[in-house]
Amino acid sequence: MGKKLKVVDQAACYACKECVVACSETFYKVFDESLSCIQIGTKKDGKTVKTSVCVQCGKCAKACTHEAIKQNAKGVYVVDKKKCVGCGDCVAACPFGLMILKEEGGTASKCIACGKCAKNCPMEVLEVVEA
């Protein structure tokens, strides 16, 4: 059991990117799409909107040789900023490209299922669920 962000109605998403804004502003206090732990793009057809969210798979934690990413009691993988050395191994390991490393030597960040993106989505595409 664990908490995670889920796309509950992909068809309703019209790529307004309010979720992306909410995420980057929550973590970095600035709107920058590259700093968001949620990404809006298109499927292979180049037309259909695709919302990419962290599924809390743990591949980032397995890749971290500094043991800076651990699963908390709610099942969410979180980055321990005191242990993170900014090597980027977790970024490379994320199969969805959703780990963020703002600058070399900085600390990584990832979705912590806080729900800010879901609260800001006008179409209710996202939801934090118990998995």
C-alpha atoms as a PDB file:
ATOM      1  CA  MET A   1       0.000   0.000   0.000  1.00  0.00           C
ATOM      2  CA  GLY A   2       1.187   3.471  -0.751  1.00  0.00           C
ATOM      3  CA  LYS A   3       0.235   6.908  -1.881  1.00  0.00           C
ATOM      4  CA  LYS A   4       0.801   8.013  -5.469  1.00  0.00           C
ATOM      5  CA  LEU A   5      -0.364  10.468  -8.070  1.00  0.00           C
ATOM      6  CA  LYS A   6      -2.623   8.977 -10.727  1.00  0.00           C
ATOM      7  CA  VAL A   7      -3.991  10.153 -14.047  1.00  0.00           C
ATOM      8  CA  VAL A   8      -7.683   9.380 -13.616  1.00  0.00           C
ATOM      9  CA  ASP A   9      -9.092  10.980 -16.776  1.00  0.00           C
ATOM     10  CA  GLN A  10      -6.455  11.441 -19.487  1.00  0.00           C
ATOM     11  CA  ALA A  11      -9.081  12.241 -22.114  1.00  0.00           C
ATOM     12  CA  ALA A  12     -10.124  15.349 -20.151  1.00  0.00           C
ATOM     13  CA  CYS A  13      -6.606  16.844 -20.244  1.00  0.00           C
ATOM     14  CA  TYR A  14      -6.235  19.685 -22.717  1.00  0.00           C
ATOM     15  CA  ALA A  15      -2.620  20.480 -21.819  1.00  0.00           C
ATOM     16  CA  CYS A  16      -3.260  23.740 -19.970  1.00  0.00           C
ATOM     17  CA  LYS A  17      -0.209  22.842 -17.840  1.00  0.00           C
ATOM     18  CA  GLU A  18      -1.638  24.218 -14.596  1.00  0.00           C
ATOM     19  CA  CYS A  19      -0.324  21.053 -12.941  1.00  0.00           C
ATOM     20  CA  VAL A  20       3.168  21.691 -14.327  1.00  0.00           C
ATOM     21  CA  VAL A  21       3.073  25.282 -13.057  1.00  0.00           C
ATOM     22  CA  ALA A  22       1.927  24.141  -9.612  1.00  0.00           C
ATOM     23  CA  CYS A  23       4.698  21.551  -9.345  1.00  0.00           C
ATOM     24  CA  SER A  24       7.609  23.764 -10.390  1.00  0.00           C
ATOM     25  CA  GLU A  25       6.366  26.644  -8.231  1.00  0.00           C
ATOM     26  CA  THR A  26       5.937  24.328  -5.230  1.00  0.00           C
ATOM     27  CA  PHE A  27       9.468  22.917  -5.468  1.00  0.00           C
ATOM     28  CA  TYR A  28      11.393  25.861  -6.945  1.00  0.00           C
ATOM     29  CA  LYS A  29       9.186  28.949  -6.484  1.00  0.00           C
ATOM     30  CA  VAL A  30       9.347  29.638 -10.226  1.00  0.00           C
ATOM     31  CA  PHE A  31       7.485  28.388 -13.292  1.00  0.00           C
ATOM     32  CA  ASP A  32       9.887  26.347 -15.372  1.00  0.00           C
ATOM     33  CA  GLU A  33       8.566  23.284 -17.190  1.00  0.00           C
ATOM     34  CA  SER A  34      11.943  21.559 -16.903  1.00  0.00           C
ATOM     35  CA  LEU A  35      11.688  21.761 -13.105  1.00  0.00           C
ATOM     36  CA  SER A  36       8.314  20.057 -12.858  1.00  0.00           C
ATOM     37  CA  CYS A  37       7.975  16.466 -11.651  1.00  0.00           C
ATOM     38  CA  ILE A  38       4.926  16.088 -13.910  1.00  0.00           C
ATOM     39  CA  GLN A  39       5.169  16.474 -17.663  1.00  0.00           C
ATOM     40  CA  ILE A  40       2.569  17.077 -20.355  1.00  0.00           C
ATOM     41  CA  GLY A  41       3.475  15.935 -23.837  1.00  0.00           C
ATOM     42  CA  THR A  42       2.017  13.963 -26.692  1.00  0.00           C
ATOM     43  CA  LYS A  43       1.837  10.287 -27.509  1.00  0.00           C
ATOM     44  CA  LYS A  44       3.722   8.837 -30.483  1.00  0.00           C
ATOM     45  CA  ASP A  45       1.037  10.098 -32.852  1.00  0.00           C
ATOM     46  CA  GLY A  46       2.159  13.652 -32.014  1.00  0.00           C
ATOM     47  CA  LYS A  47      -1.417  14.766 -31.336  1.00  0.00           C
ATOM     48  CA  THR A  48      -2.872  12.920 -28.348  1.00  0.00           C
ATOM     49  CA  VAL A  49      -2.060  14.548 -24.998  1.00  0.00           C
ATOM     50  CA  LYS A  50      -0.103  12.398 -22.552  1.00  0.00           C
ATOM     51  CA  THR A  51       0.306  13.263 -18.880  1.00  0.00           C
ATOM     52  CA  SER A  52       3.390  11.663 -17.321  1.00  0.00           C
ATOM     53  CA  VAL A  53       3.436  11.211 -13.546  1.00  0.00           C
ATOM     54  CA  CYS A  54       5.679   9.398 -11.100  1.00  0.00           C
ATOM     55  CA  VAL A  55       4.327   5.933 -10.363  1.00  0.00           C
ATOM     56  CA  GLN A  56       6.565   5.503  -7.288  1.00  0.00           C
ATOM     57  CA  CYS A  57       8.322   2.524  -8.910  1.00  0.00           C
ATOM     58  CA  GLY A  58      11.501   2.951  -6.851  1.00  0.00           C
ATOM     59  CA  LYS A  59      13.983   2.710  -9.729  1.00  0.00           C
ATOM     60  CA  CYS A  60      15.452   6.043  -8.619  1.00  0.00           C
ATOM     61  CA  ALA A  61      16.065   4.647  -5.137  1.00  0.00           C
ATOM     62  CA  LYS A  62      17.712   1.499  -6.502  1.00  0.00           C
ATOM     63  CA  ALA A  63      20.040   3.629  -8.646  1.00  0.00           C
ATOM     64  CA  CYS A  64      21.085   5.902  -5.774  1.00  0.00           C
ATOM     65  CA  THR A  65      24.441   4.707  -4.426  1.00  0.00           C
ATOM     66  CA  HIS A  66      24.294   7.295  -1.624  1.00  0.00           C
ATOM     67  CA  GLU A  67      21.050   5.917  -0.153  1.00  0.00           C
ATOM     68  CA  ALA A  68      19.491   9.365  -0.484  1.00  0.00           C
ATOM     69  CA  ILE A  69      16.133   8.108  -1.771  1.00  0.00           C
ATOM     70  CA  LYS A  70      13.995   6.082   0.602  1.00  0.00           C
ATOM     71  CA  GLN A  71      10.384   5.010   0.712  1.00  0.00           C
ATOM     72  CA  ASN A  72       8.461   6.680   3.534  1.00  0.00           C
ATOM     73  CA  ALA A  73       5.663   5.176   5.627  1.00  0.00           C
ATOM     74  CA  LYS A  74       3.088   6.246   3.005  1.00  0.00           C
ATOM     75  CA  GLY A  75       4.946   4.371   0.252  1.00  0.00           C
ATOM     76  CA  VAL A  76       6.295   7.517  -1.395  1.00  0.00           C
ATOM     77  CA  TYR A  77       9.936   7.657  -2.462  1.00  0.00           C
ATOM     78  CA  VAL A  78      11.510  10.850  -1.117  1.00  0.00           C
ATOM     79  CA  VAL A  79      14.933  12.446  -1.557  1.00  0.00           C
ATOM     80  CA  ASP A  80      16.967  13.109   1.576  1.00  0.00           C
ATOM     81  CA  LYS A  81      18.558  16.441   0.655  1.00  0.00           C
ATOM     82  CA  LYS A  82      21.280  15.910   3.267  1.00  0.00           C
ATOM     83  CA  LYS A  83      22.452  12.677   1.635  1.00  0.00           C
ATOM     84  CA  CYS A  84      21.944  13.658  -2.023  1.00  0.00           C
ATOM     85  CA  VAL A  85      25.215  14.623  -3.730  1.00  0.00           C
ATOM     86  CA  GLY A  86      23.609  15.601  -7.044  1.00  0.00           C
ATOM     87  CA  CYS A  87      25.295  12.859  -9.079  1.00  0.00           C
ATOM     88  CA  GLY A  88      22.253  12.387 -11.332  1.00  0.00           C
ATOM     89  CA  ASP A  89      22.152   8.583 -11.204  1.00  0.00           C
ATOM     90  CA  CYS A  90      18.487   8.736 -10.155  1.00  0.00           C
ATOM     91  CA  VAL A  91      17.684  11.076 -13.043  1.00  0.00           C
ATOM     92  CA  ALA A  92      19.223   8.631 -15.507  1.00  0.00           C
ATOM     93  CA  ALA A  93      17.352   5.706 -13.920  1.00  0.00           C
ATOM     94  CA  CYS A  94      13.858   7.234 -14.049  1.00  0.00           C
ATOM     95  CA  PRO A  95      12.021   5.500 -16.914  1.00  0.00           C
ATOM     96  CA  PHE A  96       9.631   8.440 -17.235  1.00  0.00           C
ATOM     97  CA  GLY A  97      12.149  11.303 -17.142  1.00  0.00           C
ATOM     98  CA  LEU A  98      10.495  12.785 -14.076  1.00  0.00           C
ATOM     99  CA  MET A  99      13.435  13.108 -11.669  1.00  0.00           C
ATOM    100  CA  ILE A 100      14.703  16.668 -11.533  1.00  0.00           C
ATOM    101  CA  LEU A 101      18.275  17.846 -11.033  1.00  0.00           C
ATOM    102  CA  LYS A 102      18.238  21.621 -11.349  1.00  0.00           C
ATOM    103  CA  GLU A 103      21.980  22.025 -11.565  1.00  0.00           C
ATOM    104  CA  GLU A 104      25.036  19.826 -11.357  1.00  0.00           C
ATOM    105  CA  GLY A 105      26.003  19.424  -7.723  1.00  0.00           C
ATOM    106  CA  GLY A 106      22.523  20.448  -6.579  1.00  0.00           C
ATOM    107  CA  THR A 107      20.068  18.042  -5.036  1.00  0.00           C
ATOM    108  CA  ALA A 108      17.550  15.962  -6.938  1.00  0.00           C
ATOM    109  CA  SER A 109      13.814  16.242  -6.477  1.00  0.00           C
ATOM    110  CA  LYS A 110      10.871  14.063  -7.432  1.00  0.00           C
ATOM    111  CA  CYS A 111       7.146  13.762  -7.013  1.00  0.00           C
ATOM    112  CA  ILE A 112       6.179  13.301  -3.382  1.00  0.00           C
ATOM    113  CA  ALA A 113       2.461  12.918  -4.148  1.00  0.00           C
ATOM    114  CA  CYS A 114       1.691  16.200  -2.401  1.00  0.00           C
ATOM    115  CA  GLY A 115      -1.370  16.763  -4.591  1.00  0.00           C
ATOM    116  CA  LYS A 116      -0.722  20.414  -5.498  1.00  0.00           C
ATOM    117  CA  CYS A 117      -0.887  19.528  -9.189  1.00  0.00           C
ATOM    118  CA  ALA A 118      -4.213  17.722  -8.740  1.00  0.00           C
ATOM    119  CA  LYS A 119      -5.681  20.653  -6.803  1.00  0.00           C
ATOM    120  CA  ASN A 120      -4.696  23.034  -9.619  1.00  0.00           C
ATOM    121  CA  CYS A 121      -6.046  20.899 -12.470  1.00  0.00           C
ATOM    122  CA  PRO A 122      -9.270  22.525 -13.706  1.00  0.00           C
ATOM    123  CA  MET A 123     -10.362  19.300 -15.424  1.00  0.00           C
ATOM    124  CA  GLU A 124      -9.747  16.955 -12.462  1.00  0.00           C
ATOM    125  CA  VAL A 125      -7.408  14.780 -14.554  1.00  0.00           C
ATOM    126  CA  LEU A 126      -5.158  13.969 -11.559  1.00  0.00           C
ATOM    127  CA  GLU A 127      -5.763  12.457  -8.163  1.00  0.00           C
ATOM    128  CA  VAL A 128      -3.626  11.289  -5.256  1.00  0.00           C
ATOM    129  CA  VAL A 129      -4.661   7.725  -4.496  1.00  0.00           C
ATOM    130  CA  GLU A 130      -3.791   4.894  -2.144  1.00  0.00           C
ATOM    131  CA  ALA A 131      -2.180   2.236  -4.277  1.00  0.00           C
END
